[in-house]
């Protein structure tokens, strides 16, 4: 699967950055935003939502998938993830497995530095967006096709 075109790339990066603004990260202060691009061109946003029990916390990526799947959207062409860190941060292991459940191994995942859209940061000081495939994020993975139907 090819990376998203420039227009879609800009759309999902902007959406992930917007989603991060709604993160509920009162315990870790580590905000994360995610944006899924569906095969129909719809964008589904997610933010991390922490919980006092910690185990009840849900990551931004899983929030986006839960929102999408619960609305009947199950085909995706790209995912963007961002934090407040100036370097790109990749999804956690649990999120990688959820991504694997619903996405093709060659789907691009955009890892967006937190300052990527910040106009106050010089372009030369910004890290680049890293684009990885699901397979690169979770090599030799286990997925739905490995289970009997």
N, C-alpha and C. Protein backbone atom coordinates (compact mmCIF):
# COMPACT_ATOMS: atom_id res chain seq x y z
N UNK A 1 0.85 -1.17 0.00
CA UNK A 1 0.00 0.00 0.00
C UNK A 1 0.90 1.24 0.00
N UNK A 2 0.59 2.16 -0.83
CA UNK A 2 1.39 3.39 -0.94
C UNK A 2 1.08 4.32 0.23
N UNK A 3 2.07 5.13 0.61
CA UNK A 3 1.79 6.15 1.63
C UNK A 3 0.68 7.07 1.13
N UNK A 4 -0.02 7.74 2.04
CA UNK A 4 -1.09 8.65 1.61
C UNK A 4 -0.52 9.77 0.74
N UNK A 5 -1.36 10.29 -0.16
CA UNK A 5 -0.92 11.42 -0.97
C UNK A 5 -0.71 12.63 -0.05
N UNK A 6 -0.12 13.67 -0.57
CA UNK A 6 0.23 14.83 0.25
C UNK A 6 -0.99 15.45 0.94
N UNK A 7 -2.11 15.49 0.25
CA UNK A 7 -3.33 16.06 0.83
C UNK A 7 -3.81 15.23 2.00
N UNK A 8 -3.90 13.91 1.81
CA UNK A 8 -4.36 13.04 2.90
C UNK A 8 -3.35 13.00 4.04
N UNK A 9 -2.07 13.04 3.71
CA UNK A 9 -1.03 13.07 4.74
C UNK A 9 -1.22 14.31 5.61
N UNK A 10 -1.42 15.45 4.99
CA UNK A 10 -1.62 16.69 5.74
C UNK A 10 -2.89 16.63 6.58
N UNK A 11 -3.94 16.05 6.02
CA UNK A 11 -5.22 15.93 6.74
C UNK A 11 -5.09 15.08 8.00
N UNK A 12 -4.43 13.92 7.89
CA UNK A 12 -4.38 13.06 9.08
C UNK A 12 -3.36 13.56 10.11
N UNK A 13 -2.32 14.22 9.66
CA UNK A 13 -1.37 14.81 10.61
C UNK A 13 -2.07 15.93 11.39
N UNK A 14 -2.81 16.76 10.69
CA UNK A 14 -3.56 17.84 11.35
C UNK A 14 -4.59 17.26 12.31
N UNK A 15 -5.30 16.22 11.90
CA UNK A 15 -6.33 15.60 12.73
C UNK A 15 -5.72 14.96 13.98
N UNK A 16 -4.58 14.30 13.85
CA UNK A 16 -3.92 13.69 15.01
C UNK A 16 -3.48 14.77 15.99
N UNK A 17 -2.98 15.87 15.46
CA UNK A 17 -2.56 16.99 16.31
C UNK A 17 -3.76 17.59 17.03
N UNK A 18 -4.87 17.74 16.33
CA UNK A 18 -6.10 18.25 16.95
C UNK A 18 -6.59 17.29 18.03
N UNK A 19 -6.56 16.00 17.74
CA UNK A 19 -7.04 15.00 18.70
C UNK A 19 -6.24 15.05 19.99
N UNK A 20 -4.95 15.30 19.87
CA UNK A 20 -4.07 15.36 21.05
C UNK A 20 -4.55 16.42 22.04
N UNK A 21 -5.18 17.47 21.54
CA UNK A 21 -5.66 18.55 22.41
C UNK A 21 -6.74 18.06 23.38
N UNK A 22 -7.40 16.97 23.06
CA UNK A 22 -8.47 16.44 23.90
C UNK A 22 -8.02 15.26 24.77
N UNK A 23 -6.73 15.01 24.80
CA UNK A 23 -6.21 13.92 25.64
C UNK A 23 -6.54 14.20 27.10
N UNK A 24 -6.88 13.14 27.80
CA UNK A 24 -7.10 13.22 29.25
C UNK A 24 -5.93 12.48 29.88
N UNK A 25 -4.87 13.23 30.11
CA UNK A 25 -3.61 12.62 30.59
C UNK A 25 -3.18 13.25 31.91
N UNK A 26 -4.11 13.26 32.86
CA UNK A 26 -3.89 13.95 34.13
C UNK A 26 -2.86 13.25 35.03
N UNK A 27 -2.54 12.00 34.77
CA UNK A 27 -1.58 11.27 35.60
C UNK A 27 -0.19 11.26 34.99
N UNK A 28 -0.08 11.03 33.71
CA UNK A 28 1.23 10.97 33.06
C UNK A 28 1.64 12.29 32.42
N UNK A 29 0.67 13.14 32.13
CA UNK A 29 0.91 14.38 31.36
C UNK A 29 1.55 14.08 30.01
N UNK A 30 1.28 12.91 29.48
CA UNK A 30 1.83 12.49 28.18
C UNK A 30 0.66 12.40 27.20
N UNK A 31 0.45 13.49 26.47
CA UNK A 31 -0.67 13.55 25.53
C UNK A 31 -0.33 12.84 24.23
N UNK A 32 -1.32 12.11 23.72
CA UNK A 32 -1.16 11.42 22.43
C UNK A 32 -2.42 11.66 21.61
N UNK A 33 -2.22 11.90 20.33
CA UNK A 33 -3.33 12.03 19.39
C UNK A 33 -3.11 11.07 18.24
N UNK A 34 -4.20 10.53 17.74
CA UNK A 34 -4.14 9.61 16.59
C UNK A 34 -5.25 9.96 15.62
N UNK A 35 -5.02 9.66 14.36
CA UNK A 35 -6.05 9.85 13.35
C UNK A 35 -5.95 8.73 12.32
N UNK A 36 -7.07 8.07 12.12
CA UNK A 36 -7.18 7.00 11.12
C UNK A 36 -7.78 7.57 9.85
N UNK A 37 -7.29 7.12 8.72
CA UNK A 37 -7.90 7.46 7.44
C UNK A 37 -8.59 6.22 6.91
N UNK A 38 -9.91 6.29 6.76
CA UNK A 38 -10.65 5.13 6.27
C UNK A 38 -10.52 5.03 4.76
N UNK A 39 -10.88 3.88 4.23
CA UNK A 39 -10.79 3.67 2.78
C UNK A 39 -11.75 4.59 2.03
N UNK A 40 -12.77 5.12 2.72
CA UNK A 40 -13.70 6.06 2.07
C UNK A 40 -13.25 7.51 2.21
N UNK A 41 -12.11 7.74 2.89
CA UNK A 41 -11.58 9.08 3.05
C UNK A 41 -11.99 9.77 4.34
N UNK A 42 -12.77 9.08 5.17
CA UNK A 42 -13.19 9.65 6.45
C UNK A 42 -12.02 9.60 7.43
N UNK A 43 -11.94 10.61 8.29
CA UNK A 43 -10.91 10.64 9.34
C UNK A 43 -11.58 10.40 10.68
N UNK A 44 -11.00 9.50 11.45
CA UNK A 44 -11.48 9.19 12.79
C UNK A 44 -10.36 9.53 13.76
N UNK A 45 -10.64 10.42 14.72
CA UNK A 45 -9.64 10.87 15.68
C UNK A 45 -9.74 10.10 16.99
N UNK A 46 -8.62 10.02 17.68
CA UNK A 46 -8.59 9.44 19.01
C UNK A 46 -7.54 10.13 19.87
N UNK A 47 -7.81 10.19 21.17
CA UNK A 47 -6.86 10.74 22.13
C UNK A 47 -6.73 9.74 23.27
N UNK A 48 -5.59 9.79 23.96
CA UNK A 48 -5.44 8.90 25.12
C UNK A 48 -6.32 9.40 26.26
N UNK A 49 -6.93 8.44 26.95
CA UNK A 49 -7.83 8.72 28.07
C UNK A 49 -7.33 7.91 29.26
N UNK A 50 -6.74 8.60 30.23
CA UNK A 50 -6.20 7.91 31.39
C UNK A 50 -7.28 7.70 32.44
N UNK A 51 -6.98 6.82 33.40
CA UNK A 51 -7.91 6.46 34.45
C UNK A 51 -7.13 6.27 35.74
N UNK A 52 -7.73 6.62 36.86
CA UNK A 52 -7.05 6.50 38.15
C UNK A 52 -6.62 5.06 38.44
N UNK A 53 -7.31 4.10 37.86
CA UNK A 53 -6.92 2.70 38.07
C UNK A 53 -5.77 2.28 37.16
N UNK A 54 -5.31 3.15 36.31
CA UNK A 54 -4.25 2.91 35.33
C UNK A 54 -4.61 1.83 34.31
N UNK A 55 -5.08 0.69 34.77
CA UNK A 55 -5.46 -0.38 33.84
C UNK A 55 -6.62 -0.01 32.94
N UNK A 56 -7.41 0.96 33.36
CA UNK A 56 -8.54 1.42 32.56
C UNK A 56 -8.15 2.45 31.52
N UNK A 57 -6.89 2.79 31.46
CA UNK A 57 -6.41 3.77 30.48
C UNK A 57 -6.50 3.19 29.07
N UNK A 58 -6.86 4.03 28.11
CA UNK A 58 -6.88 3.60 26.71
C UNK A 58 -6.05 4.59 25.88
N UNK A 59 -5.22 4.04 25.06
CA UNK A 59 -4.33 4.85 24.22
C UNK A 59 -5.11 5.52 23.09
N UNK A 60 -4.50 6.54 22.52
CA UNK A 60 -5.13 7.30 21.43
C UNK A 60 -5.43 6.42 20.22
N UNK A 61 -4.49 5.54 19.88
CA UNK A 61 -4.69 4.69 18.71
C UNK A 61 -5.90 3.78 18.91
N UNK A 62 -5.99 3.17 20.08
CA UNK A 62 -7.12 2.28 20.35
C UNK A 62 -8.42 3.06 20.44
N UNK A 63 -8.37 4.27 20.97
CA UNK A 63 -9.57 5.11 21.00
C UNK A 63 -10.09 5.32 19.58
N UNK A 64 -9.20 5.65 18.66
CA UNK A 64 -9.61 5.87 17.27
C UNK A 64 -10.21 4.59 16.67
N UNK A 65 -9.58 3.46 16.92
CA UNK A 65 -10.11 2.20 16.38
C UNK A 65 -11.46 1.84 16.99
N UNK A 66 -11.60 2.03 18.30
CA UNK A 66 -12.88 1.73 18.95
C UNK A 66 -13.99 2.61 18.36
N UNK A 67 -13.70 3.88 18.18
CA UNK A 67 -14.69 4.78 17.59
C UNK A 67 -15.06 4.32 16.18
N UNK A 68 -14.06 4.02 15.38
CA UNK A 68 -14.32 3.63 13.99
C UNK A 68 -15.09 2.32 13.90
N UNK A 69 -14.58 1.30 14.56
CA UNK A 69 -15.19 -0.03 14.45
C UNK A 69 -16.60 -0.02 15.02
N UNK A 70 -16.83 0.71 16.11
CA UNK A 70 -18.17 0.76 16.69
C UNK A 70 -19.17 1.49 15.80
N UNK A 71 -18.65 2.23 14.81
CA UNK A 71 -19.51 2.90 13.83
C UNK A 71 -19.53 2.16 12.49
N UNK A 72 -18.96 0.96 12.46
CA UNK A 72 -19.01 0.13 11.25
C UNK A 72 -17.89 0.38 10.26
N UNK A 73 -16.90 1.16 10.63
CA UNK A 73 -15.78 1.44 9.73
C UNK A 73 -14.66 0.46 10.05
N UNK A 74 -14.28 -0.34 9.06
CA UNK A 74 -13.27 -1.38 9.32
C UNK A 74 -12.20 -1.49 8.24
N UNK A 75 -12.16 -0.53 7.35
CA UNK A 75 -11.13 -0.54 6.30
C UNK A 75 -10.38 0.78 6.36
N UNK A 76 -9.06 0.68 6.50
CA UNK A 76 -8.24 1.86 6.71
C UNK A 76 -7.07 1.88 5.74
N UNK A 77 -6.62 3.10 5.42
CA UNK A 77 -5.51 3.25 4.49
C UNK A 77 -4.28 3.90 5.13
N UNK A 78 -4.44 4.53 6.31
CA UNK A 78 -3.30 5.15 6.98
C UNK A 78 -3.68 5.52 8.41
N UNK A 79 -2.65 5.67 9.23
CA UNK A 79 -2.80 6.10 10.62
C UNK A 79 -1.68 7.09 10.91
N UNK A 80 -2.01 8.18 11.62
CA UNK A 80 -1.00 9.13 12.09
C UNK A 80 -1.07 9.18 13.61
N UNK A 81 0.09 9.25 14.24
CA UNK A 81 0.19 9.30 15.70
C UNK A 81 1.17 10.40 16.07
N UNK A 82 0.79 11.21 17.07
CA UNK A 82 1.68 12.28 17.54
C UNK A 82 1.59 12.44 19.05
N UNK A 83 2.64 13.00 19.61
CA UNK A 83 2.71 13.30 21.05
C UNK A 83 3.23 14.73 21.17
N UNK A 84 3.62 15.12 22.37
CA UNK A 84 4.25 16.43 22.56
C UNK A 84 5.77 16.36 22.46
N UNK A 85 6.30 15.17 22.26
CA UNK A 85 7.75 14.99 22.15
C UNK A 85 8.25 15.55 20.81
N UNK A 86 9.43 16.14 20.77
CA UNK A 86 9.95 16.68 19.51
C UNK A 86 10.40 15.60 18.53
N UNK A 87 10.48 14.37 18.99
CA UNK A 87 10.81 13.27 18.09
C UNK A 87 9.58 12.39 17.92
N UNK A 88 9.58 11.60 16.88
CA UNK A 88 8.44 10.70 16.63
C UNK A 88 8.45 9.56 17.65
N UNK A 89 7.27 9.19 18.12
CA UNK A 89 7.10 8.10 19.08
C UNK A 89 6.17 7.07 18.45
N UNK A 90 6.51 5.80 18.58
CA UNK A 90 5.68 4.75 17.96
C UNK A 90 4.64 4.21 18.94
N UNK A 91 3.60 3.58 18.42
CA UNK A 91 2.55 3.01 19.28
C UNK A 91 3.10 1.93 20.22
N UNK A 92 2.43 1.77 21.36
CA UNK A 92 2.81 0.73 22.31
C UNK A 92 2.48 -0.65 21.73
N UNK A 93 2.92 -1.69 22.40
CA UNK A 93 2.70 -3.05 21.92
C UNK A 93 1.23 -3.41 21.79
N UNK A 94 0.42 -3.04 22.78
CA UNK A 94 -1.00 -3.38 22.71
C UNK A 94 -1.67 -2.68 21.53
N UNK A 95 -1.31 -1.43 21.31
CA UNK A 95 -1.86 -0.70 20.16
C UNK A 95 -1.41 -1.32 18.85
N UNK A 96 -0.17 -1.75 18.78
CA UNK A 96 0.32 -2.38 17.56
C UNK A 96 -0.51 -3.62 17.23
N UNK A 97 -0.89 -4.38 18.25
CA UNK A 97 -1.69 -5.57 18.01
C UNK A 97 -3.10 -5.20 17.54
N UNK A 98 -3.68 -4.14 18.08
CA UNK A 98 -5.00 -3.68 17.62
C UNK A 98 -4.91 -3.16 16.19
N UNK A 99 -3.86 -2.42 15.89
CA UNK A 99 -3.65 -1.95 14.52
C UNK A 99 -3.59 -3.16 13.58
N UNK A 100 -2.85 -4.16 13.99
CA UNK A 100 -2.69 -5.39 13.19
C UNK A 100 -4.01 -6.10 12.93
N UNK A 101 -4.91 -6.02 13.90
CA UNK A 101 -6.22 -6.68 13.78
C UNK A 101 -7.03 -6.13 12.61
N UNK A 102 -6.93 -4.82 12.38
CA UNK A 102 -7.82 -4.17 11.42
C UNK A 102 -7.13 -3.64 10.17
N UNK A 103 -5.81 -3.73 10.09
CA UNK A 103 -5.10 -3.10 8.98
C UNK A 103 -4.22 -4.10 8.25
N UNK A 104 -4.02 -3.83 6.98
CA UNK A 104 -3.13 -4.68 6.20
C UNK A 104 -1.69 -4.46 6.65
N UNK A 105 -0.87 -5.46 6.44
CA UNK A 105 0.52 -5.39 6.88
C UNK A 105 1.30 -4.27 6.18
N UNK A 106 0.84 -3.88 4.98
CA UNK A 106 1.56 -2.84 4.26
C UNK A 106 0.97 -1.44 4.45
N UNK A 107 -0.01 -1.31 5.36
CA UNK A 107 -0.59 0.01 5.60
C UNK A 107 0.43 0.93 6.27
N UNK A 108 0.53 2.18 5.80
CA UNK A 108 1.47 3.12 6.40
C UNK A 108 0.97 3.68 7.73
N UNK A 109 1.91 3.81 8.66
CA UNK A 109 1.67 4.45 9.95
C UNK A 109 2.64 5.62 10.03
N UNK A 110 2.10 6.82 10.17
CA UNK A 110 2.91 8.03 10.20
C UNK A 110 3.20 8.38 11.66
N UNK A 111 4.47 8.43 12.01
CA UNK A 111 4.91 8.80 13.35
C UNK A 111 5.35 10.25 13.28
N UNK A 112 4.55 11.12 13.90
CA UNK A 112 4.68 12.56 13.71
C UNK A 112 5.32 13.22 14.93
N UNK A 113 6.45 13.91 14.75
CA UNK A 113 7.04 14.64 15.86
C UNK A 113 6.04 15.67 16.41
N UNK A 114 6.07 15.88 17.71
CA UNK A 114 5.11 16.78 18.34
C UNK A 114 5.17 18.21 17.87
N UNK A 115 6.32 18.65 17.41
CA UNK A 115 6.45 20.04 16.97
C UNK A 115 6.33 20.20 15.45
N UNK A 116 5.91 19.16 14.76
CA UNK A 116 5.88 19.16 13.30
C UNK A 116 5.06 20.30 12.71
N UNK A 117 3.94 20.63 13.34
CA UNK A 117 3.07 21.70 12.83
C UNK A 117 3.26 23.02 13.57
N UNK A 118 4.22 23.08 14.46
CA UNK A 118 4.43 24.27 15.27
C UNK A 118 5.17 25.33 14.45
N UNK A 119 4.49 26.44 14.13
CA UNK A 119 5.14 27.47 13.30
C UNK A 119 6.26 28.21 14.02
N UNK A 120 6.33 28.10 15.35
CA UNK A 120 7.37 28.80 16.09
C UNK A 120 8.71 28.05 16.09
N UNK A 121 8.70 26.81 15.57
CA UNK A 121 9.92 26.01 15.51
C UNK A 121 10.49 26.07 14.09
N UNK A 122 11.75 26.40 13.99
CA UNK A 122 12.40 26.46 12.67
C UNK A 122 12.32 25.10 11.99
N UNK A 123 12.08 25.12 10.69
CA UNK A 123 11.97 23.87 9.93
C UNK A 123 13.22 23.00 10.09
N UNK A 124 14.37 23.63 10.16
CA UNK A 124 15.63 22.88 10.28
C UNK A 124 15.77 22.17 11.63
N UNK A 125 14.97 22.57 12.60
CA UNK A 125 15.04 21.97 13.94
C UNK A 125 13.95 20.92 14.16
N UNK A 126 13.10 20.71 13.16
CA UNK A 126 12.02 19.73 13.28
C UNK A 126 12.49 18.37 12.76
N UNK A 127 12.12 17.33 13.49
CA UNK A 127 12.39 15.98 13.00
C UNK A 127 11.38 15.67 11.89
N UNK A 128 11.74 14.75 11.05
CA UNK A 128 10.86 14.36 9.94
C UNK A 128 9.79 13.40 10.42
N UNK A 129 8.69 13.37 9.69
CA UNK A 129 7.66 12.35 9.92
C UNK A 129 8.26 11.01 9.47
N UNK A 130 8.16 10.02 10.32
CA UNK A 130 8.62 8.68 9.96
C UNK A 130 7.41 7.89 9.46
N UNK A 131 7.58 7.20 8.36
CA UNK A 131 6.50 6.36 7.85
C UNK A 131 6.96 4.91 7.90
N UNK A 132 6.19 4.13 8.64
CA UNK A 132 6.48 2.70 8.78
C UNK A 132 5.23 1.93 8.37
N UNK A 133 5.41 0.70 7.99
CA UNK A 133 4.25 -0.15 7.72
C UNK A 133 3.87 -0.88 9.01
N UNK A 134 2.67 -1.44 9.02
CA UNK A 134 2.23 -2.24 10.15
C UNK A 134 3.21 -3.39 10.36
N UNK A 135 3.65 -4.01 9.28
CA UNK A 135 4.59 -5.13 9.37
C UNK A 135 5.92 -4.70 9.99
N UNK A 136 6.36 -3.49 9.70
CA UNK A 136 7.60 -2.99 10.30
C UNK A 136 7.42 -2.72 11.79
N UNK A 137 6.23 -2.26 12.17
CA UNK A 137 5.95 -2.01 13.58
C UNK A 137 5.78 -3.29 14.39
N UNK A 138 5.26 -4.33 13.74
CA UNK A 138 4.99 -5.58 14.44
C UNK A 138 5.38 -6.75 13.54
N UNK A 139 6.69 -6.99 13.40
CA UNK A 139 7.14 -8.06 12.51
C UNK A 139 6.75 -9.45 13.02
N UNK A 140 6.60 -10.38 12.10
CA UNK A 140 6.26 -11.77 12.44
C UNK A 140 5.01 -11.83 13.33
N UNK A 141 4.04 -11.01 12.99
CA UNK A 141 2.88 -10.83 13.85
C UNK A 141 1.86 -11.95 13.74
N UNK A 142 1.02 -11.98 14.74
CA UNK A 142 -0.12 -12.89 14.83
C UNK A 142 -1.36 -12.07 14.52
N UNK A 143 -2.21 -12.58 13.64
CA UNK A 143 -3.41 -11.83 13.27
C UNK A 143 -4.62 -12.72 13.10
N UNK A 144 -5.73 -12.14 12.71
CA UNK A 144 -6.99 -12.86 12.58
C UNK A 144 -6.91 -14.07 11.65
N UNK A 145 -6.07 -13.98 10.64
CA UNK A 145 -5.96 -15.10 9.69
C UNK A 145 -5.32 -16.32 10.30
N UNK A 146 -4.72 -16.19 11.46
CA UNK A 146 -4.08 -17.33 12.13
C UNK A 146 -5.05 -18.13 13.00
N UNK A 147 -6.25 -17.64 13.14
CA UNK A 147 -7.25 -18.33 13.95
C UNK A 147 -8.26 -19.05 13.05
N UNK A 148 -8.75 -20.21 13.48
CA UNK A 148 -9.76 -20.91 12.67
C UNK A 148 -11.04 -20.10 12.63
N UNK A 149 -11.73 -20.18 11.52
CA UNK A 149 -13.00 -19.45 11.38
C UNK A 149 -14.16 -20.34 11.68
